Amino acid sequence: MKYSVYYLLTIILLPFTLMLSQTGNTYVGVESCGMCHKTEKQGSQLSIWEKSAHAKAFETLKTDKANQIAKEKGFLKPASETWECLKCHVTGYNLDATMLGKKFKVEDGVQCETCHGAGSAYKDMKVMKDKKLAIEKGLIVNDKLEEFCVSCHNNESPTFVKMDFSEAWNKIKHDVPKE
């Protein structure tokens, strides 16, 4: 009887346990995304990102000014180690190391996967050519851009400057050109 209960529980719980053991999508990093998203045909997304403040967001946390702001806010650590700063200045600040791929670097700042989701399952070209499939595999195509962006670009930031969203978006938009 004791063994049959154990056996029954194992059969019932095994699929659930296996499901939990799967790590899901991992973050591959801008270097991986940029391998395909650097050409003009694709829309030169890598170049657009490299020229943006998002690419330099982590670096700004290493400045004397950032550390002074962190100190004034009462934080005990430098800005580059403070959760309240990192949450908007980097991708992957709070993720377990198992969620980060080999090429992923937190130091790359606000990366592709901040907005588009962890890319390991949708990064392959054959998947990306089928937008519906890419979305099924985890690609996020945000249809509420301004709402998403203001989760960081808001007056809770000590360096917040009110911006015209349309103007700001036009500087960083990076659609794949229509063929």
N, C-alpha and C. Protein backbone atom coordinates (compact mmCIF):
# COMPACT_ATOMS: atom_id res chain seq x y z
N MET A 1 0.83 -1.20 0.00
CA MET A 1 0.00 0.00 0.00
C MET A 1 0.87 1.26 0.00
N LYS A 2 1.88 1.26 0.90
CA LYS A 2 2.77 2.40 1.02
C LYS A 2 3.46 2.67 -0.32
N TYR A 3 3.91 1.62 -0.99
CA TYR A 3 4.61 1.78 -2.26
C TYR A 3 3.66 2.20 -3.38
N SER A 4 2.43 1.75 -3.34
CA SER A 4 1.48 2.13 -4.39
C SER A 4 1.12 3.61 -4.29
N VAL A 5 1.03 4.14 -3.08
CA VAL A 5 0.77 5.58 -2.91
C VAL A 5 1.97 6.37 -3.44
N TYR A 6 3.17 5.94 -3.09
CA TYR A 6 4.40 6.58 -3.57
C TYR A 6 4.45 6.54 -5.10
N TYR A 7 4.15 5.38 -5.67
CA TYR A 7 4.16 5.19 -7.11
C TYR A 7 3.13 6.11 -7.78
N LEU A 8 1.93 6.15 -7.23
CA LEU A 8 0.86 6.99 -7.76
C LEU A 8 1.25 8.47 -7.70
N LEU A 9 1.78 8.91 -6.57
CA LEU A 9 2.20 10.31 -6.45
C LEU A 9 3.31 10.65 -7.43
N THR A 10 4.22 9.72 -7.64
CA THR A 10 5.31 9.94 -8.59
C THR A 10 4.75 10.14 -9.99
N ILE A 11 3.82 9.29 -10.38
CA ILE A 11 3.22 9.40 -11.71
C ILE A 11 2.47 10.72 -11.87
N ILE A 12 1.76 11.12 -10.84
CA ILE A 12 0.99 12.36 -10.89
C ILE A 12 1.90 13.58 -10.91
N LEU A 13 2.93 13.57 -10.08
CA LEU A 13 3.77 14.75 -9.91
C LEU A 13 4.94 14.85 -10.88
N LEU A 14 5.33 13.77 -11.52
CA LEU A 14 6.49 13.79 -12.41
C LEU A 14 6.37 14.83 -13.53
N PRO A 15 5.27 14.89 -14.25
CA PRO A 15 5.18 15.91 -15.30
C PRO A 15 5.32 17.32 -14.75
N PHE A 16 4.73 17.57 -13.60
CA PHE A 16 4.82 18.88 -12.96
C PHE A 16 6.27 19.19 -12.59
N THR A 17 6.96 18.21 -12.03
CA THR A 17 8.36 18.38 -11.64
C THR A 17 9.23 18.64 -12.86
N LEU A 18 9.01 17.90 -13.92
CA LEU A 18 9.78 18.11 -15.15
C LEU A 18 9.52 19.49 -15.72
N MET A 19 8.28 19.94 -15.67
CA MET A 19 7.94 21.25 -16.16
C MET A 19 8.69 22.32 -15.37
N LEU A 20 8.75 22.16 -14.05
CA LEU A 20 9.45 23.13 -13.22
C LEU A 20 10.95 23.13 -13.46
N SER A 21 11.50 21.98 -13.84
CA SER A 21 12.95 21.90 -14.03
C SER A 21 13.41 22.55 -15.33
N GLN A 22 12.48 22.80 -16.25
CA GLN A 22 12.85 23.46 -17.49
C GLN A 22 13.08 24.95 -17.20
N THR A 23 14.18 25.48 -17.66
CA THR A 23 14.54 26.85 -17.33
C THR A 23 13.81 27.88 -18.17
N GLY A 24 13.21 27.50 -19.26
CA GLY A 24 12.56 28.47 -20.12
C GLY A 24 13.58 29.21 -20.97
N ASN A 25 13.19 30.33 -21.53
CA ASN A 25 14.08 31.11 -22.38
C ASN A 25 15.19 31.75 -21.56
N THR A 26 16.35 31.83 -22.15
CA THR A 26 17.46 32.53 -21.52
C THR A 26 17.77 33.79 -22.33
N TYR A 27 18.45 34.72 -21.69
CA TYR A 27 18.83 35.98 -22.32
C TYR A 27 20.14 35.75 -23.08
N VAL A 28 20.13 36.06 -24.36
CA VAL A 28 21.28 35.78 -25.22
C VAL A 28 22.21 36.98 -25.38
N GLY A 29 21.72 38.18 -25.13
CA GLY A 29 22.55 39.38 -25.21
C GLY A 29 22.55 40.05 -26.56
N VAL A 30 22.89 41.32 -26.53
CA VAL A 30 22.86 42.14 -27.73
C VAL A 30 23.83 41.65 -28.80
N GLU A 31 24.93 41.05 -28.40
CA GLU A 31 25.89 40.52 -29.38
C GLU A 31 25.22 39.46 -30.26
N SER A 32 24.44 38.60 -29.65
CA SER A 32 23.73 37.56 -30.41
C SER A 32 22.66 38.16 -31.30
N CYS A 33 21.88 39.08 -30.76
CA CYS A 33 20.83 39.72 -31.56
C CYS A 33 21.44 40.48 -32.73
N GLY A 34 22.55 41.16 -32.45
CA GLY A 34 23.20 42.00 -33.44
C GLY A 34 23.78 41.26 -34.62
N MET A 35 24.00 39.96 -34.47
CA MET A 35 24.56 39.18 -35.58
C MET A 35 23.66 39.27 -36.81
N CYS A 36 22.36 39.29 -36.61
CA CYS A 36 21.42 39.39 -37.73
C CYS A 36 20.86 40.81 -37.89
N HIS A 37 20.76 41.52 -36.81
CA HIS A 37 20.10 42.83 -36.83
C HIS A 37 21.08 43.99 -37.01
N LYS A 38 22.10 43.77 -37.85
CA LYS A 38 23.05 44.84 -38.11
C LYS A 38 23.01 45.32 -39.55
N THR A 39 22.40 44.54 -40.41
CA THR A 39 22.40 44.90 -41.83
C THR A 39 21.33 45.93 -42.15
N GLU A 40 21.58 46.67 -43.21
CA GLU A 40 20.61 47.66 -43.66
C GLU A 40 19.29 46.99 -44.06
N LYS A 41 19.41 45.82 -44.67
CA LYS A 41 18.22 45.07 -45.08
C LYS A 41 17.32 44.75 -43.88
N GLN A 42 17.94 44.49 -42.74
CA GLN A 42 17.18 44.19 -41.52
C GLN A 42 16.75 45.45 -40.78
N GLY A 43 17.32 46.60 -41.12
CA GLY A 43 16.93 47.84 -40.47
C GLY A 43 18.02 48.45 -39.60
N SER A 44 19.21 47.87 -39.62
CA SER A 44 20.37 48.39 -38.87
C SER A 44 20.07 48.62 -37.40
N GLN A 45 19.31 47.72 -36.79
CA GLN A 45 18.93 47.88 -35.39
C GLN A 45 20.13 47.98 -34.46
N LEU A 46 21.16 47.18 -34.71
CA LEU A 46 22.34 47.20 -33.83
C LEU A 46 22.96 48.59 -33.80
N SER A 47 23.13 49.20 -34.94
CA SER A 47 23.71 50.54 -35.03
C SER A 47 22.85 51.57 -34.31
N ILE A 48 21.55 51.47 -34.48
CA ILE A 48 20.62 52.38 -33.80
C ILE A 48 20.78 52.24 -32.29
N TRP A 49 20.84 51.01 -31.81
CA TRP A 49 21.01 50.77 -30.37
C TRP A 49 22.36 51.29 -29.89
N GLU A 50 23.44 51.00 -30.63
CA GLU A 50 24.78 51.42 -30.21
C GLU A 50 24.89 52.93 -30.05
N LYS A 51 24.13 53.68 -30.84
CA LYS A 51 24.17 55.15 -30.77
C LYS A 51 23.23 55.70 -29.70
N SER A 52 22.44 54.85 -29.11
CA SER A 52 21.43 55.31 -28.15
C SER A 52 21.97 55.38 -26.73
N ALA A 53 21.27 56.12 -25.90
CA ALA A 53 21.60 56.19 -24.47
C ALA A 53 21.37 54.84 -23.80
N HIS A 54 20.50 54.02 -24.36
CA HIS A 54 20.25 52.70 -23.77
C HIS A 54 21.53 51.86 -23.74
N ALA A 55 22.33 51.95 -24.80
CA ALA A 55 23.57 51.17 -24.87
C ALA A 55 24.58 51.61 -23.81
N LYS A 56 24.47 52.85 -23.38
CA LYS A 56 25.42 53.40 -22.42
C LYS A 56 24.82 53.52 -21.02
N ALA A 57 23.64 52.98 -20.82
CA ALA A 57 22.92 53.17 -19.55
C ALA A 57 23.69 52.66 -18.34
N PHE A 58 24.33 51.50 -18.46
CA PHE A 58 25.10 50.98 -17.33
C PHE A 58 26.32 51.86 -17.06
N GLU A 59 26.98 52.30 -18.13
CA GLU A 59 28.18 53.14 -17.97
C GLU A 59 27.87 54.41 -17.19
N THR A 60 26.67 54.97 -17.38
CA THR A 60 26.33 56.20 -16.65
C THR A 60 26.30 55.97 -15.15
N LEU A 61 26.04 54.74 -14.74
CA LEU A 61 26.00 54.44 -13.30
C LEU A 61 27.38 54.40 -12.67
N LYS A 62 28.41 54.38 -13.47
CA LYS A 62 29.78 54.34 -12.95
C LYS A 62 30.38 55.74 -12.78
N THR A 63 29.61 56.76 -13.07
CA THR A 63 30.13 58.13 -13.00
C THR A 63 30.05 58.68 -11.58
N ASP A 64 30.86 59.70 -11.34
CA ASP A 64 30.83 60.38 -10.04
C ASP A 64 29.45 60.99 -9.79
N LYS A 65 28.85 61.53 -10.85
CA LYS A 65 27.52 62.14 -10.72
C LYS A 65 26.50 61.10 -10.25
N ALA A 66 26.52 59.92 -10.86
CA ALA A 66 25.57 58.86 -10.47
C ALA A 66 25.80 58.43 -9.03
N ASN A 67 27.05 58.31 -8.64
CA ASN A 67 27.35 57.92 -7.26
C ASN A 67 26.92 58.99 -6.27
N GLN A 68 27.05 60.25 -6.66
CA GLN A 68 26.60 61.34 -5.80
C GLN A 68 25.08 61.29 -5.63
N ILE A 69 24.37 61.06 -6.71
CA ILE A 69 22.91 60.94 -6.65
C ILE A 69 22.52 59.77 -5.75
N ALA A 70 23.18 58.64 -5.92
CA ALA A 70 22.88 57.46 -5.09
C ALA A 70 23.11 57.77 -3.62
N LYS A 71 24.19 58.46 -3.33
CA LYS A 71 24.51 58.83 -1.94
C LYS A 71 23.44 59.77 -1.38
N GLU A 72 23.04 60.77 -2.18
CA GLU A 72 22.00 61.72 -1.75
C GLU A 72 20.67 61.02 -1.51
N LYS A 73 20.42 59.94 -2.25
CA LYS A 73 19.18 59.17 -2.07
C LYS A 73 19.27 58.24 -0.86
N GLY A 74 20.44 58.19 -0.24
CA GLY A 74 20.60 57.36 0.95
C GLY A 74 21.07 55.94 0.68
N PHE A 75 21.49 55.66 -0.54
CA PHE A 75 21.97 54.32 -0.86
C PHE A 75 23.39 54.15 -0.35
N LEU A 76 23.70 52.99 0.16
CA LEU A 76 25.00 52.73 0.76
C LEU A 76 26.03 52.23 -0.24
N LYS A 77 25.57 51.74 -1.37
CA LYS A 77 26.47 51.19 -2.39
C LYS A 77 26.59 52.18 -3.55
N PRO A 78 27.62 52.00 -4.39
CA PRO A 78 27.71 52.82 -5.61
C PRO A 78 26.48 52.59 -6.50
N ALA A 79 26.18 53.55 -7.35
CA ALA A 79 25.01 53.44 -8.23
C ALA A 79 25.04 52.17 -9.07
N SER A 80 26.23 51.75 -9.50
CA SER A 80 26.34 50.56 -10.36
C SER A 80 26.10 49.26 -9.60
N GLU A 81 25.86 49.35 -8.30
CA GLU A 81 25.55 48.17 -7.49
C GLU A 81 24.22 48.32 -6.74
N THR A 82 23.49 49.37 -7.04
CA THR A 82 22.25 49.67 -6.33
C THR A 82 21.04 49.23 -7.14
N TRP A 83 20.23 48.36 -6.56
CA TRP A 83 19.06 47.80 -7.24
C TRP A 83 18.17 48.88 -7.83
N GLU A 84 17.91 49.93 -7.09
CA GLU A 84 17.01 50.98 -7.55
C GLU A 84 17.52 51.66 -8.82
N CYS A 85 18.81 51.64 -9.03
CA CYS A 85 19.40 52.20 -10.26
C CYS A 85 19.47 51.14 -11.37
N LEU A 86 19.92 49.96 -10.98
CA LEU A 86 20.11 48.88 -11.96
C LEU A 86 18.81 48.46 -12.63
N LYS A 87 17.70 48.53 -11.92
CA LYS A 87 16.45 48.03 -12.48
C LYS A 87 16.07 48.71 -13.80
N CYS A 88 16.54 49.94 -14.00
CA CYS A 88 16.24 50.63 -15.25
C CYS A 88 17.46 50.85 -16.14
N HIS A 89 18.64 50.59 -15.63
CA HIS A 89 19.85 50.86 -16.40
C HIS A 89 20.49 49.63 -17.03
N VAL A 90 19.98 48.44 -16.73
CA VAL A 90 20.52 47.22 -17.33
C VAL A 90 19.41 46.21 -17.57
N THR A 91 19.69 45.31 -18.46
CA THR A 91 18.84 44.13 -18.67
C THR A 91 19.43 43.02 -17.81
N GLY A 92 18.59 42.27 -17.15
CA GLY A 92 19.05 41.10 -16.42
C GLY A 92 19.64 41.36 -15.06
N TYR A 93 19.37 42.52 -14.49
CA TYR A 93 19.98 42.88 -13.19
C TYR A 93 19.59 41.93 -12.07
N ASN A 94 18.43 41.35 -12.13
CA ASN A 94 17.92 40.54 -11.02
C ASN A 94 17.73 39.07 -11.38
N LEU A 95 18.31 38.64 -12.47
CA LEU A 95 18.08 37.28 -12.94
C LEU A 95 19.13 36.31 -12.41
N ASP A 96 18.70 35.10 -12.19
CA ASP A 96 19.61 34.03 -11.81
C ASP A 96 20.58 33.79 -12.97
N ALA A 97 21.80 33.46 -12.66
CA ALA A 97 22.83 33.26 -13.69
C ALA A 97 22.44 32.20 -14.72
N THR A 98 21.59 31.26 -14.34
CA THR A 98 21.15 30.23 -15.29
C THR A 98 20.26 30.80 -16.39
N MET A 99 19.75 32.00 -16.19
CA MET A 99 18.89 32.65 -17.19
C MET A 99 19.70 33.46 -18.20
N LEU A 100 21.01 33.55 -18.00
CA LEU A 100 21.86 34.39 -18.85
C LEU A 100 22.76 33.52 -19.72
N GLY A 101 22.67 33.73 -21.03
CA GLY A 101 23.49 32.97 -21.96
C GLY A 101 24.96 33.36 -21.89
N LYS A 102 25.79 32.61 -22.58
CA LYS A 102 27.25 32.82 -22.54
C LYS A 102 27.68 34.18 -23.06
N LYS A 103 26.97 34.71 -24.05
CA LYS A 103 27.35 36.00 -24.63
C LYS A 103 26.68 37.19 -23.94
N PHE A 104 25.80 36.92 -23.01
CA PHE A 104 25.06 38.00 -22.35
C PHE A 104 25.95 38.75 -21.36
N LYS A 105 25.90 40.08 -21.42
CA LYS A 105 26.67 40.91 -20.49
C LYS A 105 25.75 41.98 -19.93
N VAL A 106 25.57 41.96 -18.63
CA VAL A 106 24.75 42.99 -17.96
C VAL A 106 25.31 44.37 -18.28
N GLU A 107 26.62 44.47 -18.41
CA GLU A 107 27.29 45.75 -18.67
C GLU A 107 26.88 46.39 -19.99
N ASP A 108 26.21 45.65 -20.85
CA ASP A 108 25.76 46.21 -22.13
C ASP A 108 24.54 47.10 -21.98
N GLY A 109 24.09 47.31 -20.76
CA GLY A 109 23.02 48.27 -20.51
C GLY A 109 21.63 47.76 -20.84
N VAL A 110 20.82 48.66 -21.35
CA VAL A 110 19.44 48.34 -21.71
C VAL A 110 19.49 47.76 -23.12
N GLN A 111 19.29 46.46 -23.20
CA GLN A 111 19.49 45.72 -24.44
C GLN A 111 18.18 45.35 -25.12
N CYS A 112 18.30 44.68 -26.23
CA CYS A 112 17.16 44.23 -27.03
C CYS A 112 16.12 43.49 -26.18
N GLU A 113 16.61 42.61 -25.32
CA GLU A 113 15.73 41.73 -24.57
C GLU A 113 15.01 42.42 -23.42
N THR A 114 15.39 43.66 -23.11
CA THR A 114 14.63 44.43 -22.13
C THR A 114 13.20 44.59 -22.64
N CYS A 115 13.08 44.91 -23.89
CA CYS A 115 11.78 45.15 -24.51
C CYS A 115 11.21 43.92 -25.21
N HIS A 116 12.07 43.10 -25.78
CA HIS A 116 11.62 42.00 -26.63
C HIS A 116 11.61 40.63 -25.96
N GLY A 117 12.03 40.54 -24.70
CA GLY A 117 12.01 39.28 -23.98
C GLY A 117 13.23 38.41 -24.25
N ALA A 118 13.48 37.48 -23.35
CA ALA A 118 14.62 36.57 -23.47
C ALA A 118 14.56 35.84 -24.81
N GLY A 119 15.69 35.84 -25.53
CA GLY A 119 15.67 35.43 -26.93
C GLY A 119 16.11 34.04 -27.31
N SER A 120 16.46 33.20 -26.37
CA SER A 120 17.04 31.91 -26.76
C SER A 120 16.12 31.07 -27.64
N ALA A 121 14.84 31.12 -27.43
CA ALA A 121 13.92 30.27 -28.20
C ALA A 121 13.48 30.89 -29.52
N TYR A 122 13.66 32.19 -29.69
CA TYR A 122 13.21 32.80 -30.94
C TYR A 122 14.35 33.41 -31.76
N LYS A 123 15.58 33.31 -31.33
CA LYS A 123 16.70 33.99 -32.00
C LYS A 123 17.08 33.40 -33.35
N ASP A 124 16.78 32.15 -33.59
CA ASP A 124 17.17 31.53 -34.85
C ASP A 124 16.46 32.17 -36.03
N MET A 125 17.19 32.33 -37.13
CA MET A 125 16.64 33.01 -38.30
C MET A 125 15.36 32.36 -38.81
N LYS A 126 15.33 31.02 -38.81
CA LYS A 126 14.14 30.35 -39.32
C LYS A 126 12.91 30.66 -38.47
N VAL A 127 13.10 30.93 -37.20
CA VAL A 127 11.99 31.31 -36.32
C VAL A 127 11.65 32.78 -36.55
N MET A 128 12.66 33.64 -36.60
CA MET A 128 12.43 35.07 -36.75
C MET A 128 11.77 35.43 -38.09
N LYS A 129 11.94 34.59 -39.10
CA LYS A 129 11.30 34.85 -40.39
C LYS A 129 9.78 34.67 -40.31
N ASP A 130 9.31 34.00 -39.28
CA ASP A 130 7.88 33.76 -39.07
C ASP A 130 7.49 34.50 -37.79
N LYS A 131 7.00 35.72 -37.94
CA LYS A 131 6.72 36.57 -36.77
C LYS A 131 5.78 35.89 -35.78
N LYS A 132 4.77 35.22 -36.29
CA LYS A 132 3.82 34.53 -35.41
C LYS A 132 4.54 33.46 -34.58
N LEU A 133 5.40 32.69 -35.21
CA LEU A 133 6.15 31.66 -34.51
C LEU A 133 7.11 32.29 -33.49
N ALA A 134 7.77 33.36 -33.88
CA ALA A 134 8.70 34.04 -32.97
C ALA A 134 7.96 34.52 -31.72
N ILE A 135 6.77 35.05 -31.91
CA ILE A 135 5.96 35.51 -30.77
C ILE A 135 5.57 34.32 -29.90
N GLU A 136 5.19 33.22 -30.53
CA GLU A 136 4.86 32.00 -29.77
C GLU A 136 6.05 31.52 -28.95
N LYS A 137 7.26 31.75 -29.46
CA LYS A 137 8.48 31.30 -28.78
C LYS A 137 9.01 32.33 -27.78
N GLY A 138 8.30 33.45 -27.62
CA GLY A 138 8.69 34.40 -26.58
C GLY A 138 9.02 35.81 -27.02
N LEU A 139 9.08 36.07 -28.32
CA LEU A 139 9.34 37.43 -28.78
C LEU A 139 8.21 38.35 -28.33
N ILE A 140 8.57 39.45 -27.73
CA ILE A 140 7.57 40.44 -27.32
C ILE A 140 7.58 41.57 -28.33
N VAL A 141 6.43 41.85 -28.90
CA VAL A 141 6.24 42.99 -29.78
C VAL A 141 5.23 43.87 -29.06
N ASN A 142 5.75 44.89 -28.40
CA ASN A 142 4.93 45.70 -27.51
C ASN A 142 4.06 46.67 -28.29
N ASP A 143 2.77 46.58 -28.10
CA ASP A 143 1.86 47.50 -28.78
C ASP A 143 1.47 48.68 -27.89
N LYS A 144 2.01 48.73 -26.69
CA LYS A 144 1.78 49.85 -25.78
C LYS A 144 3.14 50.43 -25.39
N LEU A 145 3.84 50.94 -26.39
CA LEU A 145 5.21 51.39 -26.21
C LEU A 145 5.37 52.45 -25.13
N GLU A 146 4.58 53.49 -25.22
CA GLU A 146 4.75 54.59 -24.26
C GLU A 146 4.53 54.10 -22.83
N GLU A 147 3.52 53.29 -22.64
CA GLU A 147 3.23 52.74 -21.31
C GLU A 147 4.42 51.92 -20.80
N PHE A 148 5.03 51.15 -21.69
CA PHE A 148 6.20 50.34 -21.31
C PHE A 148 7.39 51.24 -20.98
N CYS A 149 7.66 52.21 -21.82
CA CYS A 149 8.83 53.07 -21.64
C CYS A 149 8.76 53.89 -20.35
N VAL A 150 7.57 54.35 -20.00
CA VAL A 150 7.46 55.17 -18.79
C VAL A 150 7.59 54.36 -17.51
N SER A 151 7.72 53.04 -17.63
CA SER A 151 8.00 52.26 -16.43
C SER A 151 9.39 52.63 -15.88
N CYS A 152 10.26 53.15 -16.72
CA CYS A 152 11.56 53.67 -16.27
C CYS A 152 11.68 55.18 -16.48
N HIS A 153 11.18 55.66 -17.59
CA HIS A 153 11.28 57.08 -17.90
C HIS A 153 10.13 57.83 -17.23
N ASN A 154 10.28 58.04 -15.92
CA ASN A 154 9.23 58.70 -15.14
C ASN A 154 9.85 59.54 -14.03
N ASN A 155 9.02 60.28 -13.32
CA ASN A 155 9.54 61.20 -12.31
C ASN A 155 10.06 60.53 -11.04
N GLU A 156 10.05 59.22 -10.98
CA GLU A 156 10.70 58.52 -9.86
C GLU A 156 12.21 58.51 -10.05
N SER A 157 12.65 58.71 -11.28
CA SER A 157 14.09 58.77 -11.57
C SER A 157 14.61 60.14 -11.14
N PRO A 158 15.71 60.17 -10.41
CA PRO A 158 16.24 61.46 -9.95
C PRO A 158 16.77 62.34 -11.08
N THR A 159 16.99 61.78 -12.26
CA THR A 159 17.47 62.58 -13.39
C THR A 159 16.41 62.71 -14.49
N PHE A 160 15.16 62.44 -14.14
CA PHE A 160 14.08 62.47 -15.13
C PHE A 160 13.92 63.85 -15.74
N VAL A 161 13.80 63.86 -17.05
CA VAL A 161 13.48 65.07 -17.80
C VAL A 161 12.27 64.72 -18.64
N LYS A 162 11.21 65.50 -18.51
CA LYS A 162 9.99 65.22 -19.28
C LYS A 162 10.35 65.21 -20.77
N MET A 163 9.81 64.23 -21.46
CA MET A 163 10.13 64.10 -22.88
C MET A 163 8.86 63.98 -23.70
N ASP A 164 8.99 64.33 -24.95
CA ASP A 164 7.93 64.10 -25.92
C ASP A 164 8.14 62.68 -26.42
N PHE A 165 7.22 61.78 -26.10
CA PHE A 165 7.42 60.38 -26.42
C PHE A 165 7.62 60.15 -27.91
N SER A 166 6.80 60.75 -28.74
CA SER A 166 6.91 60.54 -30.19
C SER A 166 8.28 60.95 -30.70
N GLU A 167 8.76 62.07 -30.22
CA GLU A 167 10.08 62.56 -30.64
C GLU A 167 11.18 61.59 -30.17
N ALA A 168 11.09 61.16 -28.92
CA ALA A 168 12.08 60.22 -28.38
C ALA A 168 12.03 58.89 -29.13
N TRP A 169 10.83 58.40 -29.40
CA TRP A 169 10.71 57.12 -30.10
C TRP A 169 11.28 57.20 -31.50
N ASN A 170 11.07 58.32 -32.18
CA ASN A 170 11.60 58.47 -33.54
C ASN A 170 13.12 58.37 -33.58
N LYS A 171 13.80 58.66 -32.47
CA LYS A 171 15.26 58.56 -32.42
C LYS A 171 15.73 57.12 -32.29
N ILE A 172 14.89 56.25 -31.72
CA ILE A 172 15.35 54.88 -31.46
C ILE A 172 14.51 53.79 -32.13
N LYS A 173 13.46 54.17 -32.85
CA LYS A 173 12.63 53.13 -33.48
C LYS A 173 13.49 52.32 -34.44
N HIS A 174 13.15 51.06 -34.57
CA HIS A 174 14.05 50.15 -35.30
C HIS A 174 13.28 49.01 -35.96
N ASP A 175 12.26 49.37 -36.69
CA ASP A 175 11.47 48.36 -37.39
C ASP A 175 12.29 47.68 -38.49
N VAL A 176 11.93 46.45 -38.77
CA VAL A 176 12.49 45.76 -39.93
C VAL A 176 11.77 46.35 -41.14
N PRO A 177 12.52 46.84 -42.14
CA PRO A 177 11.88 47.45 -43.31
C PRO A 177 10.95 46.48 -44.03
N LYS A 178 9.87 47.01 -44.54
CA LYS A 178 8.94 46.20 -45.34
C LYS A 178 9.61 45.91 -46.68
N GLU A 179 9.44 44.70 -47.16
CA GLU A 179 10.05 44.33 -48.45
C GLU A 179 9.17 44.70 -49.60
